Amino acid sequence: MTKTNMKYALVTGGSRGIGRAVSLKLAAQGYFVLVNFQRNETEADKTVAIIKEAGGDASTLKFDVSDKDDIQKTLGGWIDANKDKSIEVLVNNAGIRKDFLLMMMAESDWHDVLRTNLDSFYYITKLVIPGMMFQRFGRIINVVSLSGIKGLPGQTNYSASKAGVIAASKSLAQEIGRKGITVNCVAPGFIKTEMTEGIEEAQFRSIIPVQRFGEADEVAEAVSFLASKGASYITGEVINVNGGLYT
């Protein structure tokens, strides 16, 4: 398969953790993966190298998902320069946490989290949808969170951002389903990534039915399925990957 007719997938925050695991799974499905990153070029390059070593193909695409101008310039520029290529799968994975009780939360922390986690969904997805509509096929998968479903103390900003993406996904699924495009969410619970490094797993085992934290690969498996043609009749859904912690 040449690059001119190869299927493309974009994974935001694809350099590490869940994003890396998702990138590897999609590459194994035959996608040329655009690995988005903002700061850690070394880890993004490592993701690309792992994909190529396994026989897949990928490249990095550096832009700040919280900056609409950077999104337009870089992602919009890639789309304009590659009219013969189509992003068939979009995984909105990049996100940040700035946890604090609301009464003490800085206004900047509220806006930073909403801009990175929620506004990015709007700006990135809006750019990618036209190509999917032209091909009459697309998969949009948004990595949300347990926090966006049940809320967690100290995460009013994070919970609001993820709940917003869930609601937006359900609405968008109804708008573009007739064009062969599905929109779904995957909601991880406690997953072993950099975002949970400061959390003691032993303290939570008693409340997680499977009695452990999840692995990034387990989240990627759910994303991989939703990206497949076998998931063509599933849209507007949220798949929980949390070991039974909350259903």
C-alpha atoms as a PDB file:
ATOM      1  CA  MET A   1       0.000   0.000   0.000  1.00  0.00           C
ATOM      2  CA  THR A   2       1.505   3.323  -1.048  1.00  0.00           C
ATOM      3  CA  LYS A   3       1.255   6.466   1.042  1.00  0.00           C
ATOM      4  CA  THR A   4      -1.054   8.032  -1.512  1.00  0.00           C
ATOM      5  CA  ASN A   5      -3.763   5.416  -0.884  1.00  0.00           C
ATOM      6  CA  MET A   6      -2.869   4.479   2.676  1.00  0.00           C
ATOM      7  CA  LYS A   7      -5.399   4.956   5.443  1.00  0.00           C
ATOM      8  CA  TYR A   8      -4.456   7.676   7.922  1.00  0.00           C
ATOM      9  CA  ALA A   9      -5.178   8.023  11.622  1.00  0.00           C
ATOM     10  CA  LEU A  10      -4.482  11.012  13.856  1.00  0.00           C
ATOM     11  CA  VAL A  11      -3.856  10.431  17.554  1.00  0.00           C
ATOM     12  CA  THR A  12      -3.510  13.545  19.689  1.00  0.00           C
ATOM     13  CA  GLY A  13      -1.182  13.175  22.636  1.00  0.00           C
ATOM     14  CA  GLY A  14       0.202  10.107  20.910  1.00  0.00           C
ATOM     15  CA  SER A  15       3.728  10.161  22.281  1.00  0.00           C
ATOM     16  CA  ARG A  16       3.206   8.325  25.583  1.00  0.00           C
ATOM     17  CA  GLY A  17       0.821   6.325  27.730  1.00  0.00           C
ATOM     18  CA  ILE A  18      -2.623   5.667  26.286  1.00  0.00           C
ATOM     19  CA  GLY A  19      -1.812   7.710  23.190  1.00  0.00           C
ATOM     20  CA  ARG A  20       1.220   5.580  22.377  1.00  0.00           C
ATOM     21  CA  ALA A  21      -0.688   2.342  22.965  1.00  0.00           C
ATOM     22  CA  VAL A  22      -3.486   3.556  20.684  1.00  0.00           C
ATOM     23  CA  SER A  23      -1.005   4.598  18.005  1.00  0.00           C
ATOM     24  CA  LEU A  24       0.567   1.118  18.012  1.00  0.00           C
ATOM     25  CA  LYS A  25      -2.818  -0.610  17.754  1.00  0.00           C
ATOM     26  CA  LEU A  26      -3.962   1.552  14.862  1.00  0.00           C
ATOM     27  CA  ALA A  27      -0.675   1.027  13.039  1.00  0.00           C
ATOM     28  CA  ALA A  28      -1.187  -2.724  13.437  1.00  0.00           C
ATOM     29  CA  GLN A  29      -4.599  -2.263  11.772  1.00  0.00           C
ATOM     30  CA  GLY A  30      -2.871  -0.841   8.709  1.00  0.00           C
ATOM     31  CA  TYR A  31      -3.107   2.878   9.403  1.00  0.00           C
ATOM     32  CA  PHE A  32      -0.388   5.408   8.775  1.00  0.00           C
ATOM     33  CA  VAL A  33      -0.440   7.112  12.169  1.00  0.00           C
ATOM     34  CA  LEU A  34       0.058  10.835  12.654  1.00  0.00           C
ATOM     35  CA  VAL A  35       1.454  11.017  16.188  1.00  0.00           C
ATOM     36  CA  ASN A  36       0.605  14.399  17.631  1.00  0.00           C
ATOM     37  CA  PHE A  37       2.697  15.869  20.413  1.00  0.00           C
ATOM     38  CA  GLN A  38       3.394  19.280  21.890  1.00  0.00           C
ATOM     39  CA  ARG A  39       6.606  19.151  23.913  1.00  0.00           C
ATOM     40  CA  ASN A  40       8.222  15.727  24.188  1.00  0.00           C
ATOM     41  CA  GLU A  41       9.626  15.169  20.733  1.00  0.00           C
ATOM     42  CA  THR A  42      11.904  12.394  21.988  1.00  0.00           C
ATOM     43  CA  GLU A  43       8.973  10.259  23.145  1.00  0.00           C
ATOM     44  CA  ALA A  44       6.972  11.047  19.999  1.00  0.00           C
ATOM     45  CA  ASP A  45       9.903   9.929  17.853  1.00  0.00           C
ATOM     46  CA  LYS A  46      10.134   6.788  19.982  1.00  0.00           C
ATOM     47  CA  THR A  47       6.480   5.985  19.266  1.00  0.00           C
ATOM     48  CA  VAL A  48       7.124   6.361  15.543  1.00  0.00           C
ATOM     49  CA  ALA A  49      10.242   4.194  15.790  1.00  0.00           C
ATOM     50  CA  ILE A  50       8.346   1.410  17.598  1.00  0.00           C
ATOM     51  CA  ILE A  51       5.659   1.474  14.912  1.00  0.00           C
ATOM     52  CA  LYS A  52       8.208   1.256  12.104  1.00  0.00           C
ATOM     53  CA  GLU A  53      10.133  -1.533  13.823  1.00  0.00           C
ATOM     54  CA  ALA A  54       6.878  -3.513  13.908  1.00  0.00           C
ATOM     55  CA  GLY A  55       6.395  -3.031  10.166  1.00  0.00           C
ATOM     56  CA  GLY A  56       3.965  -0.112  10.291  1.00  0.00           C
ATOM     57  CA  ASP A  57       4.382   3.506   9.301  1.00  0.00           C
ATOM     58  CA  ALA A  58       3.934   6.800  11.109  1.00  0.00           C
ATOM     59  CA  SER A  59       5.208  10.327  11.464  1.00  0.00           C
ATOM     60  CA  THR A  60       4.982  13.030  14.103  1.00  0.00           C
ATOM     61  CA  LEU A  61       2.775  16.101  13.870  1.00  0.00           C
ATOM     62  CA  LYS A  62       3.634  18.781  16.405  1.00  0.00           C
ATOM     63  CA  PHE A  63       0.919  21.192  17.497  1.00  0.00           C
ATOM     64  CA  ASP A  64      -0.624  22.474  20.710  1.00  0.00           C
ATOM     65  CA  VAL A  65      -4.177  21.136  21.019  1.00  0.00           C
ATOM     66  CA  SER A  66      -5.075  24.068  23.280  1.00  0.00           C
ATOM     67  CA  ASP A  67      -4.102  26.647  20.648  1.00  0.00           C
ATOM     68  CA  LYS A  68      -6.653  27.041  17.858  1.00  0.00           C
ATOM     69  CA  ASP A  69      -4.222  29.015  15.688  1.00  0.00           C
ATOM     70  CA  ASP A  70      -1.570  26.303  15.974  1.00  0.00           C
ATOM     71  CA  ILE A  71      -4.186  23.655  15.169  1.00  0.00           C
ATOM     72  CA  GLN A  72      -5.291  25.561  12.082  1.00  0.00           C
ATOM     73  CA  LYS A  73      -1.750  26.261  10.921  1.00  0.00           C
ATOM     74  CA  THR A  74      -0.326  22.773  11.457  1.00  0.00           C
ATOM     75  CA  LEU A  75      -3.207  20.321  11.131  1.00  0.00           C
ATOM     76  CA  GLY A  76      -5.070  22.533   8.671  1.00  0.00           C
ATOM     77  CA  GLY A  77      -1.837  22.936   6.731  1.00  0.00           C
ATOM     78  CA  TRP A  78      -1.310  19.165   6.606  1.00  0.00           C
ATOM     79  CA  ILE A  79      -4.847  18.628   5.320  1.00  0.00           C
ATOM     80  CA  ASP A  80      -4.452  21.340   2.671  1.00  0.00           C
ATOM     81  CA  ALA A  81      -1.111  19.919   1.543  1.00  0.00           C
ATOM     82  CA  ASN A  82      -2.386  16.338   1.363  1.00  0.00           C
ATOM     83  CA  LYS A  83      -5.570  16.508  -0.676  1.00  0.00           C
ATOM     84  CA  ASP A  84      -4.989  12.955  -1.881  1.00  0.00           C
ATOM     85  CA  LYS A  85      -4.917  11.619   1.673  1.00  0.00           C
ATOM     86  CA  SER A  86      -7.714  11.294   4.198  1.00  0.00           C
ATOM     87  CA  ILE A  87      -7.688  11.016   7.963  1.00  0.00           C
ATOM     88  CA  GLU A  88     -10.046   8.093   8.429  1.00  0.00           C
ATOM     89  CA  VAL A  89      -9.668   7.746  12.204  1.00  0.00           C
ATOM     90  CA  LEU A  90      -9.372  10.595  14.709  1.00  0.00           C
ATOM     91  CA  VAL A  91      -8.549   9.830  18.330  1.00  0.00           C
ATOM     92  CA  ASN A  92      -8.878  12.894  20.548  1.00  0.00           C
ATOM     93  CA  ASN A  93      -6.694  11.697  23.393  1.00  0.00           C
ATOM     94  CA  ALA A  94      -4.569  14.646  24.533  1.00  0.00           C
ATOM     95  CA  GLY A  95      -5.578  16.154  27.850  1.00  0.00           C
ATOM     96  CA  ILE A  96      -4.353  17.673  31.075  1.00  0.00           C
ATOM     97  CA  ARG A  97      -5.383  17.735  34.738  1.00  0.00           C
ATOM     98  CA  LYS A  98      -4.996  20.621  37.166  1.00  0.00           C
ATOM     99  CA  ASP A  99      -6.764  19.328  40.254  1.00  0.00           C
ATOM    100  CA  PHE A 100      -7.889  21.573  43.088  1.00  0.00           C
ATOM    101  CA  LEU A 101     -10.995  22.253  45.126  1.00  0.00           C
ATOM    102  CA  LEU A 102     -13.200  24.678  43.222  1.00  0.00           C
ATOM    103  CA  MET A 103     -13.188  27.288  45.988  1.00  0.00           C
ATOM    104  CA  MET A 104      -9.401  27.523  45.689  1.00  0.00           C
ATOM    105  CA  MET A 105      -9.030  26.843  41.985  1.00  0.00           C
ATOM    106  CA  ALA A 106      -7.254  29.514  39.975  1.00  0.00           C
ATOM    107  CA  GLU A 107      -9.260  30.871  37.072  1.00  0.00           C
ATOM    108  CA  SER A 108      -6.365  30.042  34.767  1.00  0.00           C
ATOM    109  CA  ASP A 109      -6.520  26.374  35.822  1.00  0.00           C
ATOM    110  CA  TRP A 110     -10.195  26.242  34.930  1.00  0.00           C
ATOM    111  CA  HIS A 111      -9.642  27.736  31.490  1.00  0.00           C
ATOM    112  CA  ASP A 112      -6.446  25.781  30.741  1.00  0.00           C
ATOM    113  CA  VAL A 113      -8.165  22.441  31.340  1.00  0.00           C
ATOM    114  CA  LEU A 114     -11.324  23.365  29.408  1.00  0.00           C
ATOM    115  CA  ARG A 115      -9.298  24.735  26.503  1.00  0.00           C
ATOM    116  CA  THR A 116      -7.013  21.690  26.303  1.00  0.00           C
ATOM    117  CA  ASN A 117      -9.596  18.972  26.894  1.00  0.00           C
ATOM    118  CA  LEU A 118     -12.818  20.384  25.429  1.00  0.00           C
ATOM    119  CA  ASP A 119     -12.057  23.214  23.015  1.00  0.00           C
ATOM    120  CA  SER A 120      -9.518  20.992  21.256  1.00  0.00           C
ATOM    121  CA  PHE A 121     -12.284  18.531  20.427  1.00  0.00           C
ATOM    122  CA  TYR A 122     -14.142  21.303  18.582  1.00  0.00           C
ATOM    123  CA  TYR A 123     -11.223  22.748  16.628  1.00  0.00           C
ATOM    124  CA  ILE A 124      -9.566  19.454  15.658  1.00  0.00           C
ATOM    125  CA  THR A 125     -12.717  17.489  14.868  1.00  0.00           C
ATOM    126  CA  LYS A 126     -14.149  20.325  12.788  1.00  0.00           C
ATOM    127  CA  LEU A 127     -11.064  20.264  10.552  1.00  0.00           C
ATOM    128  CA  VAL A 128     -11.108  16.492  10.076  1.00  0.00           C
ATOM    129  CA  ILE A 129     -14.838  15.894   9.476  1.00  0.00           C
ATOM    130  CA  PRO A 130     -15.016  17.260   5.890  1.00  0.00           C
ATOM    131  CA  GLY A 131     -12.553  14.638   4.646  1.00  0.00           C
ATOM    132  CA  MET A 132     -14.480  11.875   6.382  1.00  0.00           C
ATOM    133  CA  MET A 133     -17.740  13.114   4.883  1.00  0.00           C
ATOM    134  CA  PHE A 134     -16.211  13.124   1.402  1.00  0.00           C
ATOM    135  CA  GLN A 135     -15.065   9.506   1.876  1.00  0.00           C
ATOM    136  CA  ARG A 136     -18.373   8.609   3.560  1.00  0.00           C
ATOM    137  CA  PHE A 137     -16.446   6.809   6.261  1.00  0.00           C
ATOM    138  CA  GLY A 138     -14.857   7.891   9.501  1.00  0.00           C
ATOM    139  CA  ARG A 139     -14.216   6.989  13.100  1.00  0.00           C
ATOM    140  CA  ILE A 140     -14.007   9.637  15.793  1.00  0.00           C
ATOM    141  CA  ILE A 141     -13.029   8.265  19.188  1.00  0.00           C
ATOM    142  CA  ASN A 142     -12.687  10.547  22.182  1.00  0.00           C
ATOM    143  CA  VAL A 143     -10.747   9.459  25.246  1.00  0.00           C
ATOM    144  CA  VAL A 144     -12.698  10.856  28.174  1.00  0.00           C
ATOM    145  CA  SER A 145     -12.643   9.723  31.804  1.00  0.00           C
ATOM    146  CA  LEU A 146     -14.483   8.205  34.711  1.00  0.00           C
ATOM    147  CA  SER A 147     -14.430  11.769  36.069  1.00  0.00           C
ATOM    148  CA  GLY A 148     -16.617  12.923  33.203  1.00  0.00           C
ATOM    149  CA  ILE A 149     -19.279  10.341  34.075  1.00  0.00           C
ATOM    150  CA  LYS A 150     -19.516  10.414  37.870  1.00  0.00           C
ATOM    151  CA  GLY A 151     -17.383  13.411  38.805  1.00  0.00           C
ATOM    152  CA  LEU A 152     -14.562  13.323  41.323  1.00  0.00           C
ATOM    153  CA  PRO A 153     -13.777  15.796  44.120  1.00  0.00           C
ATOM    154  CA  GLY A 154     -11.000  18.198  43.241  1.00  0.00           C
ATOM    155  CA  GLN A 155     -11.655  17.763  39.541  1.00  0.00           C
ATOM    156  CA  THR A 156     -14.494  20.138  38.736  1.00  0.00           C
ATOM    157  CA  ASN A 157     -12.554  21.524  35.783  1.00  0.00           C
ATOM    158  CA  TYR A 158     -11.430  18.103  34.516  1.00  0.00           C
ATOM    159  CA  SER A 159     -14.857  16.537  35.071  1.00  0.00           C
ATOM    160  CA  ALA A 160     -16.573  19.432  33.303  1.00  0.00           C
ATOM    161  CA  SER A 161     -14.249  19.132  30.305  1.00  0.00           C
ATOM    162  CA  LYS A 162     -14.695  15.381  29.915  1.00  0.00           C
ATOM    163  CA  ALA A 163     -18.460  15.492  30.491  1.00  0.00           C
ATOM    164  CA  GLY A 164     -18.611  18.188  27.828  1.00  0.00           C
ATOM    165  CA  VAL A 165     -16.838  15.955  25.319  1.00  0.00           C
ATOM    166  CA  ILE A 166     -19.222  13.086  26.120  1.00  0.00           C
ATOM    167  CA  ALA A 167     -22.286  15.250  25.505  1.00  0.00           C
ATOM    168  CA  ALA A 168     -20.770  16.745  22.358  1.00  0.00           C
ATOM    169  CA  SER A 169     -19.961  13.264  21.058  1.00  0.00           C
ATOM    170  CA  LYS A 170     -23.536  12.114  21.499  1.00  0.00           C
ATOM    171  CA  SER A 171     -24.800  15.140  19.595  1.00  0.00           C
ATOM    172  CA  LEU A 172     -22.220  14.878  16.820  1.00  0.00           C
ATOM    173  CA  ALA A 173     -22.981  11.168  16.376  1.00  0.00           C
ATOM    174  CA  GLN A 174     -26.541  12.117  15.435  1.00  0.00           C
ATOM    175  CA  GLU A 175     -25.383  14.822  13.037  1.00  0.00           C
ATOM    176  CA  ILE A 176     -23.041  12.756  10.898  1.00  0.00           C
ATOM    177  CA  GLY A 177     -24.119   9.132  11.292  1.00  0.00           C
ATOM    178  CA  ARG A 178     -25.805   9.153   7.875  1.00  0.00           C
ATOM    179  CA  LYS A 179     -22.409   9.860   6.315  1.00  0.00           C
ATOM    180  CA  GLY A 180     -20.909   6.632   7.608  1.00  0.00           C
ATOM    181  CA  ILE A 181     -19.067   8.341  10.455  1.00  0.00           C
ATOM    182  CA  THR A 182     -19.312   7.076  14.019  1.00  0.00           C
ATOM    183  CA  VAL A 183     -18.497   9.073  17.145  1.00  0.00           C
ATOM    184  CA  ASN A 184     -17.794   7.304  20.411  1.00  0.00           C
ATOM    185  CA  CYS A 185     -15.999   7.755  23.710  1.00  0.00           C
ATOM    186  CA  VAL A 186     -13.744   5.521  25.761  1.00  0.00           C
ATOM    187  CA  ALA A 187     -13.714   6.358  29.466  1.00  0.00           C
ATOM    188  CA  PRO A 188     -10.696   4.979  31.331  1.00  0.00           C
ATOM    189  CA  GLY A 189     -10.651   4.606  35.089  1.00  0.00           C
ATOM    190  CA  PHE A 190      -7.341   4.210  36.904  1.00  0.00           C
ATOM    191  CA  ILE A 191      -4.781   3.363  34.197  1.00  0.00           C
ATOM    192  CA  LYS A 192      -1.047   3.013  34.728  1.00  0.00           C
ATOM    193  CA  THR A 193       0.237   6.143  32.995  1.00  0.00           C
ATOM    194  CA  GLU A 194       2.039   9.338  33.973  1.00  0.00           C
ATOM    195  CA  MET A 195      -1.298  10.816  35.051  1.00  0.00           C
ATOM    196  CA  THR A 196      -1.646   8.223  37.831  1.00  0.00           C
ATOM    197  CA  GLU A 197       1.992   8.074  38.943  1.00  0.00           C
ATOM    198  CA  GLY A 198       1.200   9.960  42.152  1.00  0.00           C
ATOM    199  CA  ILE A 199      -1.672   7.638  43.086  1.00  0.00           C
ATOM    200  CA  GLU A 200      -0.991   4.620  45.297  1.00  0.00           C
ATOM    201  CA  GLU A 201      -2.572   1.605  43.593  1.00  0.00           C
ATOM    202  CA  ALA A 202      -2.810  -0.407  46.828  1.00  0.00           C
ATOM    203  CA  GLN A 203      -5.164   2.178  48.333  1.00  0.00           C
ATOM    204  CA  PHE A 204      -7.729   1.656  45.566  1.00  0.00           C
ATOM    205  CA  ARG A 205      -7.611  -2.090  44.994  1.00  0.00           C
ATOM    206  CA  SER A 206     -10.375  -2.705  47.512  1.00  0.00           C
ATOM    207  CA  ILE A 207     -12.854  -0.526  45.603  1.00  0.00           C
ATOM    208  CA  ILE A 208     -11.952  -1.773  42.111  1.00  0.00           C
ATOM    209  CA  PRO A 209     -13.728  -5.101  41.454  1.00  0.00           C
ATOM    210  CA  VAL A 210     -10.818  -6.532  39.422  1.00  0.00           C
ATOM    211  CA  GLN A 211      -8.461  -5.260  42.177  1.00  0.00           C
ATOM    212  CA  ARG A 212      -5.864  -3.548  40.019  1.00  0.00           C
ATOM    213  CA  PHE A 213      -5.168  -0.549  37.844  1.00  0.00           C
ATOM    214  CA  GLY A 214      -5.600  -0.981  34.115  1.00  0.00           C
ATOM    215  CA  GLU A 215      -2.956  -0.966  31.411  1.00  0.00           C
ATOM    216  CA  ALA A 216      -2.782   1.483  28.517  1.00  0.00           C
ATOM    217  CA  ASP A 217      -3.026  -1.453  26.095  1.00  0.00           C
ATOM    218  CA  GLU A 218      -6.440  -2.347  27.549  1.00  0.00           C
ATOM    219  CA  VAL A 219      -7.762   1.101  26.710  1.00  0.00           C
ATOM    220  CA  ALA A 220      -6.183   0.885  23.271  1.00  0.00           C
ATOM    221  CA  GLU A 221      -8.019  -2.381  22.596  1.00  0.00           C
ATOM    222  CA  ALA A 222     -11.359  -0.612  23.061  1.00  0.00           C
ATOM    223  CA  VAL A 223     -10.266   2.256  20.814  1.00  0.00           C
ATOM    224  CA  SER A 224      -9.015  -0.206  18.200  1.00  0.00           C
ATOM    225  CA  PHE A 225     -12.379  -1.974  18.115  1.00  0.00           C
ATOM    226  CA  LEU A 226     -14.314   1.283  17.760  1.00  0.00           C
ATOM    227  CA  ALA A 227     -12.019   2.238  14.878  1.00  0.00           C
ATOM    228  CA  SER A 228     -12.784  -0.968  13.009  1.00  0.00           C
ATOM    229  CA  LYS A 229     -15.456  -1.623  10.408  1.00  0.00           C
ATOM    230  CA  GLY A 230     -16.908  -4.153  12.847  1.00  0.00           C
ATOM    231  CA  ALA A 231     -18.054  -1.260  15.033  1.00  0.00           C
ATOM    232  CA  SER A 232     -20.041   0.421  12.254  1.00  0.00           C
ATOM    233  CA  TYR A 233     -23.356   0.107  14.122  1.00  0.00           C
ATOM    234  CA  ILE A 234     -22.029   1.570  17.370  1.00  0.00           C
ATOM    235  CA  THR A 235     -22.165   5.338  17.719  1.00  0.00           C
ATOM    236  CA  GLY A 236     -22.886   7.900  20.413  1.00  0.00           C
ATOM    237  CA  GLU A 237     -21.688   5.463  23.065  1.00  0.00           C
ATOM    238  CA  VAL A 238     -19.306   5.587  26.025  1.00  0.00           C
ATOM    239  CA  ILE A 239     -17.294   2.444  26.751  1.00  0.00           C
ATOM    240  CA  ASN A 240     -16.020   2.301  30.315  1.00  0.00           C
ATOM    241  CA  VAL A 241     -12.596   0.751  30.839  1.00  0.00           C
ATOM    242  CA  ASN A 242     -12.369   0.879  34.614  1.00  0.00           C
ATOM    243  CA  GLY A 243     -12.278  -2.647  36.001  1.00  0.00           C
ATOM    244  CA  GLY A 244     -15.879  -2.394  37.158  1.00  0.00           C
ATOM    245  CA  LEU A 245     -15.211   0.601  39.417  1.00  0.00           C
ATOM    246  CA  TYR A 246     -18.234   2.445  38.018  1.00  0.00           C
ATOM    247  CA  THR A 247     -20.862   1.294  35.525  1.00  0.00           C
END
